[in-house]
């Protein structure tokens, strides 16, 4: 049997928790980078029927609202 003191056990317990937290943090960074969602003003749609705002990932000009299923058209605004 291996002799472990209380301090050794506490150190290994804290080290395992730290490794777990770092692993979960790196996994979350990887998942966020992979999904590629970012808020761009040109891709933010606002439904005129139910006033629900949503983001569209690809570059379409006509989409359906995920809440009420109405057609939403991206209108270009002048500066």
PDB file of N, CA and C in Angstrom:
ATOM      1  N   UNK A   1       0.825  -1.167   0.000  1.00  0.00           N
ATOM      2  CA  UNK A   1       0.000   0.000   0.000  1.00  0.00           C
ATOM      3  C   UNK A   1       0.882   1.248   0.000  1.00  0.00           C
ATOM      4  N   UNK A   2       0.448   2.250  -0.766  1.00  0.00           N
ATOM      5  CA  UNK A   2       1.222   3.480  -0.869  1.00  0.00           C
ATOM      6  C   UNK A   2       0.882   4.415   0.283  1.00  0.00           C
ATOM      7  N   UNK A   3       1.908   4.957   0.910  1.00  0.00           N
ATOM      8  CA  UNK A   3       1.634   5.880   2.020  1.00  0.00           C
ATOM      9  C   UNK A   3       1.293   7.280   1.497  1.00  0.00           C
ATOM     10  N   UNK A   4       0.093   7.769   1.779  1.00  0.00           N
ATOM     11  CA  UNK A   4      -0.331   9.110   1.405  1.00  0.00           C
ATOM     12  C   UNK A   4      -0.659   9.891   2.664  1.00  0.00           C
ATOM     13  N   UNK A   5      -0.171  11.095   2.704  1.00  0.00           N
ATOM     14  CA  UNK A   5      -0.539  11.959   3.826  1.00  0.00           C
ATOM     15  C   UNK A   5      -1.794  12.743   3.432  1.00  0.00           C
ATOM     16  N   UNK A   6      -2.371  13.413   4.384  1.00  0.00           N
ATOM     17  CA  UNK A   6      -3.570  14.215   4.124  1.00  0.00           C
ATOM     18  C   UNK A   6      -3.257  15.348   3.148  1.00  0.00           C
ATOM     19  N   UNK A   7      -2.084  15.942   3.253  1.00  0.00           N
ATOM     20  CA  UNK A   7      -1.681  17.035   2.363  1.00  0.00           C
ATOM     21  C   UNK A   7      -1.537  16.540   0.925  1.00  0.00           C
ATOM     22  N   UNK A   8      -0.980  15.322   0.751  1.00  0.00           N
ATOM     23  CA  UNK A   8      -0.851  14.763  -0.594  1.00  0.00           C
ATOM     24  C   UNK A   8      -2.221  14.507  -1.217  1.00  0.00           C
ATOM     25  N   UNK A   9      -3.122  13.967  -0.440  1.00  0.00           N
ATOM     26  CA  UNK A   9      -4.472  13.703  -0.948  1.00  0.00           C
ATOM     27  C   UNK A   9      -5.195  14.991  -1.320  1.00  0.00           C
ATOM     28  N   UNK A  10      -5.056  16.010  -0.496  1.00  0.00           N
ATOM     29  CA  UNK A  10      -5.678  17.299  -0.775  1.00  0.00           C
ATOM     30  C   UNK A  10      -5.077  17.931  -2.026  1.00  0.00           C
ATOM     31  N   UNK A  11      -3.766  17.807  -2.209  1.00  0.00           N
ATOM     32  CA  UNK A  11      -3.112  18.342  -3.396  1.00  0.00           C
ATOM     33  C   UNK A  11      -3.613  17.640  -4.655  1.00  0.00           C
ATOM     34  N   UNK A  12      -3.700  16.319  -4.643  1.00  0.00           N
ATOM     35  CA  UNK A  12      -4.176  15.592  -5.817  1.00  0.00           C
ATOM     36  C   UNK A  12      -5.641  15.906  -6.103  1.00  0.00           C
ATOM     37  N   UNK A  13      -6.442  16.070  -5.094  1.00  0.00           N
ATOM     38  CA  UNK A  13      -7.849  16.436  -5.272  1.00  0.00           C
ATOM     39  C   UNK A  13      -7.974  17.807  -5.934  1.00  0.00           C
ATOM     40  N   UNK A  14      -7.213  18.784  -5.455  1.00  0.00           N
ATOM     41  CA  UNK A  14      -7.252  20.134  -6.032  1.00  0.00           C
ATOM     42  C   UNK A  14      -6.687  20.137  -7.450  1.00  0.00           C
ATOM     43  N   UNK A  15      -5.649  19.356  -7.690  1.00  0.00           N
ATOM     44  CA  UNK A  15      -5.058  19.296  -9.026  1.00  0.00           C
ATOM     45  C   UNK A  15      -6.032  18.672 -10.027  1.00  0.00           C
ATOM     46  N   UNK A  16      -6.753  17.641  -9.621  1.00  0.00           N
ATOM     47  CA  UNK A  16      -7.734  17.031 -10.524  1.00  0.00           C
ATOM     48  C   UNK A  16      -8.863  17.995 -10.851  1.00  0.00           C
ATOM     49  N   UNK A  17      -9.334  18.751  -9.862  1.00  0.00           N
ATOM     50  CA  UNK A  17     -10.372  19.752 -10.125  1.00  0.00           C
ATOM     51  C   UNK A  17      -9.870  20.830 -11.073  1.00  0.00           C
ATOM     52  N   UNK A  18      -8.633  21.275 -10.895  1.00  0.00           N
ATOM     53  CA  UNK A  18      -8.051  22.292 -11.753  1.00  0.00           C
ATOM     54  C   UNK A  18      -7.913  21.777 -13.190  1.00  0.00           C
ATOM     55  N   UNK A  19      -7.470  20.549 -13.362  1.00  0.00           N
ATOM     56  CA  UNK A  19      -7.351  19.956 -14.693  1.00  0.00           C
ATOM     57  C   UNK A  19      -8.723  19.832 -15.349  1.00  0.00           C
ATOM     58  N   UNK A  20      -9.736  19.441 -14.583  1.00  0.00           N
ATOM     59  CA  UNK A  20     -11.090  19.326 -15.117  1.00  0.00           C
ATOM     60  C   UNK A  20     -11.631  20.686 -15.563  1.00  0.00           C
ATOM     61  N   UNK A  21     -11.419  21.705 -14.769  1.00  0.00           N
ATOM     62  CA  UNK A  21     -11.898  23.045 -15.123  1.00  0.00           C
ATOM     63  C   UNK A  21     -11.187  23.570 -16.366  1.00  0.00           C
ATOM     64  N   UNK A  22      -9.895  23.372 -16.474  1.00  0.00           N
ATOM     65  CA  UNK A  22      -9.151  23.806 -17.655  1.00  0.00           C
ATOM     66  C   UNK A  22      -9.618  23.048 -18.888  1.00  0.00           C
ATOM     67  N   UNK A  23      -9.857  21.753 -18.768  1.00  0.00           N
ATOM     68  CA  UNK A  23     -10.343  20.963 -19.895  1.00  0.00           C
ATOM     69  C   UNK A  23     -11.710  21.460 -20.367  1.00  0.00           C
ATOM     70  N   UNK A  24     -12.628  21.709 -19.434  1.00  0.00           N
ATOM     71  CA  UNK A  24     -13.957  22.197 -19.817  1.00  0.00           C
ATOM     72  C   UNK A  24     -13.889  23.589 -20.438  1.00  0.00           C
ATOM     73  N   UNK A  25     -13.006  24.436 -19.945  1.00  0.00           N
ATOM     74  CA  UNK A  25     -12.844  25.776 -20.497  1.00  0.00           C
ATOM     75  C   UNK A  25     -12.306  25.710 -21.922  1.00  0.00           C
ATOM     76  N   UNK A  26     -11.287  24.882 -22.159  1.00  0.00           N
ATOM     77  CA  UNK A  26     -10.736  24.741 -23.509  1.00  0.00           C
ATOM     78  C   UNK A  26     -11.753  24.133 -24.467  1.00  0.00           C
ATOM     79  N   UNK A  27     -12.549  23.197 -23.989  1.00  0.00           N
ATOM     80  CA  UNK A  27     -13.592  22.606 -24.837  1.00  0.00           C
ATOM     81  C   UNK A  27     -14.634  23.651 -25.224  1.00  0.00           C
ATOM     82  N   UNK A  28     -15.005  24.507 -24.284  1.00  0.00           N
ATOM     83  CA  UNK A  28     -15.977  25.561 -24.582  1.00  0.00           C
ATOM     84  C   UNK A  28     -15.409  26.580 -25.571  1.00  0.00           C
ATOM     85  N   UNK A  29     -14.140  26.925 -25.445  1.00  0.00           N
ATOM     86  CA  UNK A  29     -13.506  27.820 -26.414  1.00  0.00           C
ATOM     87  C   UNK A  29     -13.511  27.205 -27.810  1.00  0.00           C
ATOM     88  N   UNK A  30     -13.212  25.922 -27.890  1.00  0.00           N
ATOM     89  CA  UNK A  30     -13.207  25.225 -29.178  1.00  0.00           C
ATOM     90  C   UNK A  30     -14.606  25.176 -29.780  1.00  0.00           C
ATOM     91  N   UNK A  31     -15.619  24.911 -28.977  1.00  0.00           N
ATOM     92  CA  UNK A  31     -16.997  24.856 -29.475  1.00  0.00           C
ATOM     93  C   UNK A  31     -17.462  26.221 -29.954  1.00  0.00           C
ATOM     94  N   UNK A  32     -17.120  27.293 -29.254  1.00  0.00           N
ATOM     95  CA  UNK A  32     -17.510  28.635 -29.672  1.00  0.00           C
ATOM     96  C   UNK A  32     -16.831  29.043 -30.970  1.00  0.00           C
ATOM     97  N   UNK A  33     -15.580  28.679 -31.125  1.00  0.00           N
ATOM     98  CA  UNK A  33     -14.854  29.004 -32.340  1.00  0.00           C
ATOM     99  C   UNK A  33     -15.385  28.207 -33.524  1.00  0.00           C
ATOM    100  N   UNK A  34     -15.791  26.966 -33.294  1.00  0.00           N
ATOM    101  CA  UNK A  34     -16.272  26.096 -34.360  1.00  0.00           C
ATOM    102  C   UNK A  34     -17.639  26.521 -34.866  1.00  0.00           C
ATOM    103  N   UNK A  35     -18.503  27.012 -33.993  1.00  0.00           N
ATOM    104  CA  UNK A  35     -19.844  27.364 -34.433  1.00  0.00           C
ATOM    105  C   UNK A  35     -19.841  28.599 -35.312  1.00  0.00           C
ATOM    106  N   UNK A  36     -18.965  29.550 -35.080  1.00  0.00           N
ATOM    107  CA  UNK A  36     -18.807  30.700 -35.945  1.00  0.00           C
ATOM    108  C   UNK A  36     -19.909  31.734 -35.866  1.00  0.00           C
ATOM    109  N   UNK A  37     -20.715  31.733 -34.833  1.00  0.00           N
ATOM    110  CA  UNK A  37     -21.775  32.724 -34.719  1.00  0.00           C
ATOM    111  C   UNK A  37     -21.200  34.012 -34.174  1.00  0.00           C
ATOM    112  N   UNK A  38     -21.507  35.097 -34.855  1.00  0.00           N
ATOM    113  CA  UNK A  38     -21.150  36.409 -34.353  1.00  0.00           C
ATOM    114  C   UNK A  38     -22.214  37.388 -34.817  1.00  0.00           C
ATOM    115  N   UNK A  39     -22.431  38.415 -34.048  1.00  0.00           N
ATOM    116  CA  UNK A  39     -23.473  39.373 -34.341  1.00  0.00           C
ATOM    117  C   UNK A  39     -22.957  40.406 -35.325  1.00  0.00           C
ATOM    118  N   UNK A  40     -23.510  40.369 -36.527  1.00  0.00           N
ATOM    119  CA  UNK A  40     -23.198  41.338 -37.561  1.00  0.00           C
ATOM    120  C   UNK A  40     -24.504  42.045 -37.885  1.00  0.00           C
ATOM    121  N   UNK A  41     -24.452  43.364 -37.985  1.00  0.00           N
ATOM    122  CA  UNK A  41     -25.686  44.118 -38.163  1.00  0.00           C
ATOM    123  C   UNK A  41     -26.425  43.708 -39.432  1.00  0.00           C
ATOM    124  N   UNK A  42     -25.732  43.318 -40.477  1.00  0.00           N
ATOM    125  CA  UNK A  42     -26.367  42.918 -41.727  1.00  0.00           C
ATOM    126  C   UNK A  42     -27.054  41.562 -41.661  1.00  0.00           C
ATOM    127  N   UNK A  43     -26.789  40.764 -40.685  1.00  0.00           N
ATOM    128  CA  UNK A  43     -27.368  39.429 -40.576  1.00  0.00           C
ATOM    129  C   UNK A  43     -28.392  39.330 -39.461  1.00  0.00           C
ATOM    130  N   UNK A  44     -28.717  40.419 -38.810  1.00  0.00           N
ATOM    131  CA  UNK A  44     -29.714  40.431 -37.754  1.00  0.00           C
ATOM    132  C   UNK A  44     -31.073  40.752 -38.372  1.00  0.00           C
ATOM    133  N   UNK A  45     -31.980  39.798 -38.317  1.00  0.00           N
ATOM    134  CA  UNK A  45     -33.314  39.972 -38.880  1.00  0.00           C
ATOM    135  C   UNK A  45     -34.291  40.314 -37.778  1.00  0.00           C
ATOM    136  N   UNK A  46     -35.294  41.095 -38.122  1.00  0.00           N
ATOM    137  CA  UNK A  46     -36.361  41.453 -37.199  1.00  0.00           C
ATOM    138  C   UNK A  46     -37.681  41.164 -37.908  1.00  0.00           C
ATOM    139  N   UNK A  47     -38.486  40.291 -37.340  1.00  0.00           N
ATOM    140  CA  UNK A  47     -39.767  39.921 -37.938  1.00  0.00           C
ATOM    141  C   UNK A  47     -40.755  41.070 -37.779  1.00  0.00           C
ATOM    142  N   UNK A  48     -41.405  41.451 -38.887  1.00  0.00           N
ATOM    143  CA  UNK A  48     -42.367  42.549 -38.823  1.00  0.00           C
ATOM    144  C   UNK A  48     -43.703  42.092 -38.238  1.00  0.00           C
ATOM    145  N   UNK A  49     -43.951  40.799 -38.205  1.00  0.00           N
ATOM    146  CA  UNK A  49     -45.213  40.290 -37.656  1.00  0.00           C
ATOM    147  C   UNK A  49     -45.186  40.170 -36.134  1.00  0.00           C
ATOM    148  N   UNK A  50     -44.191  39.464 -35.621  1.00  0.00           N
ATOM    149  CA  UNK A  50     -44.151  39.209 -34.175  1.00  0.00           C
ATOM    150  C   UNK A  50     -43.046  39.992 -33.462  1.00  0.00           C
ATOM    151  N   UNK A  51     -42.233  40.762 -34.201  1.00  0.00           N
ATOM    152  CA  UNK A  51     -41.149  41.588 -33.658  1.00  0.00           C
ATOM    153  C   UNK A  51     -40.081  40.762 -32.936  1.00  0.00           C
ATOM    154  N   UNK A  52     -39.870  39.542 -33.415  1.00  0.00           N
ATOM    155  CA  UNK A  52     -38.843  38.650 -32.870  1.00  0.00           C
ATOM    156  C   UNK A  52     -37.545  38.895 -33.639  1.00  0.00           C
ATOM    157  N   UNK A  53     -36.444  39.114 -32.942  1.00  0.00           N
ATOM    158  CA  UNK A  53     -35.146  39.325 -33.586  1.00  0.00           C
ATOM    159  C   UNK A  53     -34.370  38.018 -33.573  1.00  0.00           C
ATOM    160  N   UNK A  54     -33.702  37.715 -34.687  1.00  0.00           N
ATOM    161  CA  UNK A  54     -32.931  36.487 -34.791  1.00  0.00           C
ATOM    162  C   UNK A  54     -31.782  36.689 -35.762  1.00  0.00           C
ATOM    163  N   UNK A  55     -30.759  35.849 -35.650  1.00  0.00           N
ATOM    164  CA  UNK A  55     -29.555  35.934 -36.469  1.00  0.00           C
ATOM    165  C   UNK A  55     -29.600  34.831 -37.512  1.00  0.00           C
ATOM    166  N   UNK A  56     -29.200  35.156 -38.737  1.00  0.00           N
ATOM    167  CA  UNK A  56     -29.127  34.181 -39.824  1.00  0.00           C
ATOM    168  C   UNK A  56     -27.661  33.972 -40.154  1.00  0.00           C
ATOM    169  N   UNK A  57     -27.219  32.716 -40.224  1.00  0.00           N
ATOM    170  CA  UNK A  57     -25.811  32.416 -40.413  1.00  0.00           C
ATOM    171  C   UNK A  57     -25.359  32.623 -41.856  1.00  0.00           C
ATOM    172  N   UNK A  58     -26.143  32.199 -42.830  1.00  0.00           N
ATOM    173  CA  UNK A  58     -25.718  32.356 -44.223  1.00  0.00           C
ATOM    174  C   UNK A  58     -26.207  33.689 -44.778  1.00  0.00           C
ATOM    175  N   UNK A  59     -25.874  33.980 -46.025  1.00  0.00           N
ATOM    176  CA  UNK A  59     -26.139  35.304 -46.598  1.00  0.00           C
ATOM    177  C   UNK A  59     -27.408  35.318 -47.445  1.00  0.00           C
ATOM    178  N   UNK A  60     -28.531  34.958 -46.855  1.00  0.00           N
ATOM    179  CA  UNK A  60     -29.806  35.026 -47.550  1.00  0.00           C
ATOM    180  C   UNK A  60     -30.466  36.376 -47.274  1.00  0.00           C
ATOM    181  N   UNK A  61     -31.312  36.792 -48.215  1.00  0.00           N
ATOM    182  CA  UNK A  61     -32.055  38.030 -48.029  1.00  0.00           C
ATOM    183  C   UNK A  61     -33.494  37.782 -47.596  1.00  0.00           C
ATOM    184  N   UNK A  62     -33.993  36.564 -47.799  1.00  0.00           N
ATOM    185  CA  UNK A  62     -35.357  36.210 -47.404  1.00  0.00           C
ATOM    186  C   UNK A  62     -35.285  34.940 -46.561  1.00  0.00           C
ATOM    187  N   UNK A  63     -35.817  35.002 -45.344  1.00  0.00           N
ATOM    188  CA  UNK A  63     -35.833  33.844 -44.443  1.00  0.00           C
ATOM    189  C   UNK A  63     -37.189  33.776 -43.753  1.00  0.00           C
ATOM    190  N   UNK A  64     -37.431  32.673 -43.069  1.00  0.00           N
ATOM    191  CA  UNK A  64     -38.651  32.516 -42.285  1.00  0.00           C
ATOM    192  C   UNK A  64     -38.333  32.741 -40.810  1.00  0.00           C
ATOM    193  N   UNK A  65     -39.254  33.400 -40.145  1.00  0.00           N
ATOM    194  CA  UNK A  65     -39.105  33.663 -38.713  1.00  0.00           C
ATOM    195  C   UNK A  65     -39.222  32.334 -37.956  1.00  0.00           C
ATOM    196  N   UNK A  66     -38.306  32.042 -37.032  1.00  0.00           N
ATOM    197  CA  UNK A  66     -38.401  30.784 -36.281  1.00  0.00           C
ATOM    198  C   UNK A  66     -39.540  30.764 -35.269  1.00  0.00           C
ATOM    199  N   UNK A  67     -40.086  31.921 -34.942  1.00  0.00           N
ATOM    200  CA  UNK A  67     -41.152  31.971 -33.944  1.00  0.00           C
ATOM    201  C   UNK A  67     -42.545  31.857 -34.574  1.00  0.00           C
ATOM    202  N   UNK A  68     -42.811  32.659 -35.624  1.00  0.00           N
ATOM    203  CA  UNK A  68     -44.161  32.674 -36.198  1.00  0.00           C
ATOM    204  C   UNK A  68     -44.203  32.148 -37.626  1.00  0.00           C
ATOM    205  N   UNK A  69     -43.069  31.795 -38.214  1.00  0.00           N
ATOM    206  CA  UNK A  69     -42.961  31.209 -39.547  1.00  0.00           C
ATOM    207  C   UNK A  69     -43.367  32.191 -40.655  1.00  0.00           C
ATOM    208  N   UNK A  70     -43.287  33.480 -40.408  1.00  0.00           N
ATOM    209  CA  UNK A  70     -43.590  34.487 -41.430  1.00  0.00           C
ATOM    210  C   UNK A  70     -42.336  34.767 -42.254  1.00  0.00           C
ATOM    211  N   UNK A  71     -42.527  35.225 -43.492  1.00  0.00           N
ATOM    212  CA  UNK A  71     -41.399  35.565 -44.356  1.00  0.00           C
ATOM    213  C   UNK A  71     -40.807  36.898 -43.904  1.00  0.00           C
ATOM    214  N   UNK A  72     -39.484  36.933 -43.767  1.00  0.00           N
ATOM    215  CA  UNK A  72     -38.785  38.144 -43.359  1.00  0.00           C
ATOM    216  C   UNK A  72     -37.789  38.515 -44.445  1.00  0.00           C
ATOM    217  N   UNK A  73     -37.812  39.776 -44.847  1.00  0.00           N
ATOM    218  CA  UNK A  73     -36.947  40.266 -45.911  1.00  0.00           C
ATOM    219  C   UNK A  73     -35.944  41.227 -45.296  1.00  0.00           C
ATOM    220  N   UNK A  74     -34.677  41.038 -45.650  1.00  0.00           N
ATOM    221  CA  UNK A  74     -33.626  41.931 -45.169  1.00  0.00           C
ATOM    222  C   UNK A  74     -33.645  43.183 -46.025  1.00  0.00           C
ATOM    223  N   UNK A  75     -33.897  44.299 -45.395  1.00  0.00           N
ATOM    224  CA  UNK A  75     -33.940  45.576 -46.100  1.00  0.00           C
ATOM    225  C   UNK A  75     -32.631  46.309 -45.877  1.00  0.00           C
ATOM    226  N   UNK A  76     -32.057  46.815 -46.944  1.00  0.00           N
ATOM    227  CA  UNK A  76     -30.805  47.568 -46.845  1.00  0.00           C
ATOM    228  C   UNK A  76     -31.124  48.985 -46.376  1.00  0.00           C
ATOM    229  N   UNK A  77     -30.386  49.437 -45.374  1.00  0.00           N
ATOM    230  CA  UNK A  77     -30.584  50.779 -44.830  1.00  0.00           C
ATOM    231  C   UNK A  77     -29.511  51.703 -45.387  1.00  0.00           C
ATOM    232  N   UNK A  78     -29.903  52.910 -45.700  1.00  0.00           N
ATOM    233  CA  UNK A  78     -28.937  53.915 -46.169  1.00  0.00           C
ATOM    234  C   UNK A  78     -28.282  54.565 -44.965  1.00  0.00           C
ATOM    235  N   UNK A  79     -27.022  54.924 -45.141  1.00  0.00           N
ATOM    236  CA  UNK A  79     -26.305  55.586 -44.046  1.00  0.00           C
ATOM    237  C   UNK A  79     -26.498  57.065 -44.073  1.00  0.00           C
TER     238      UNK A  79
END
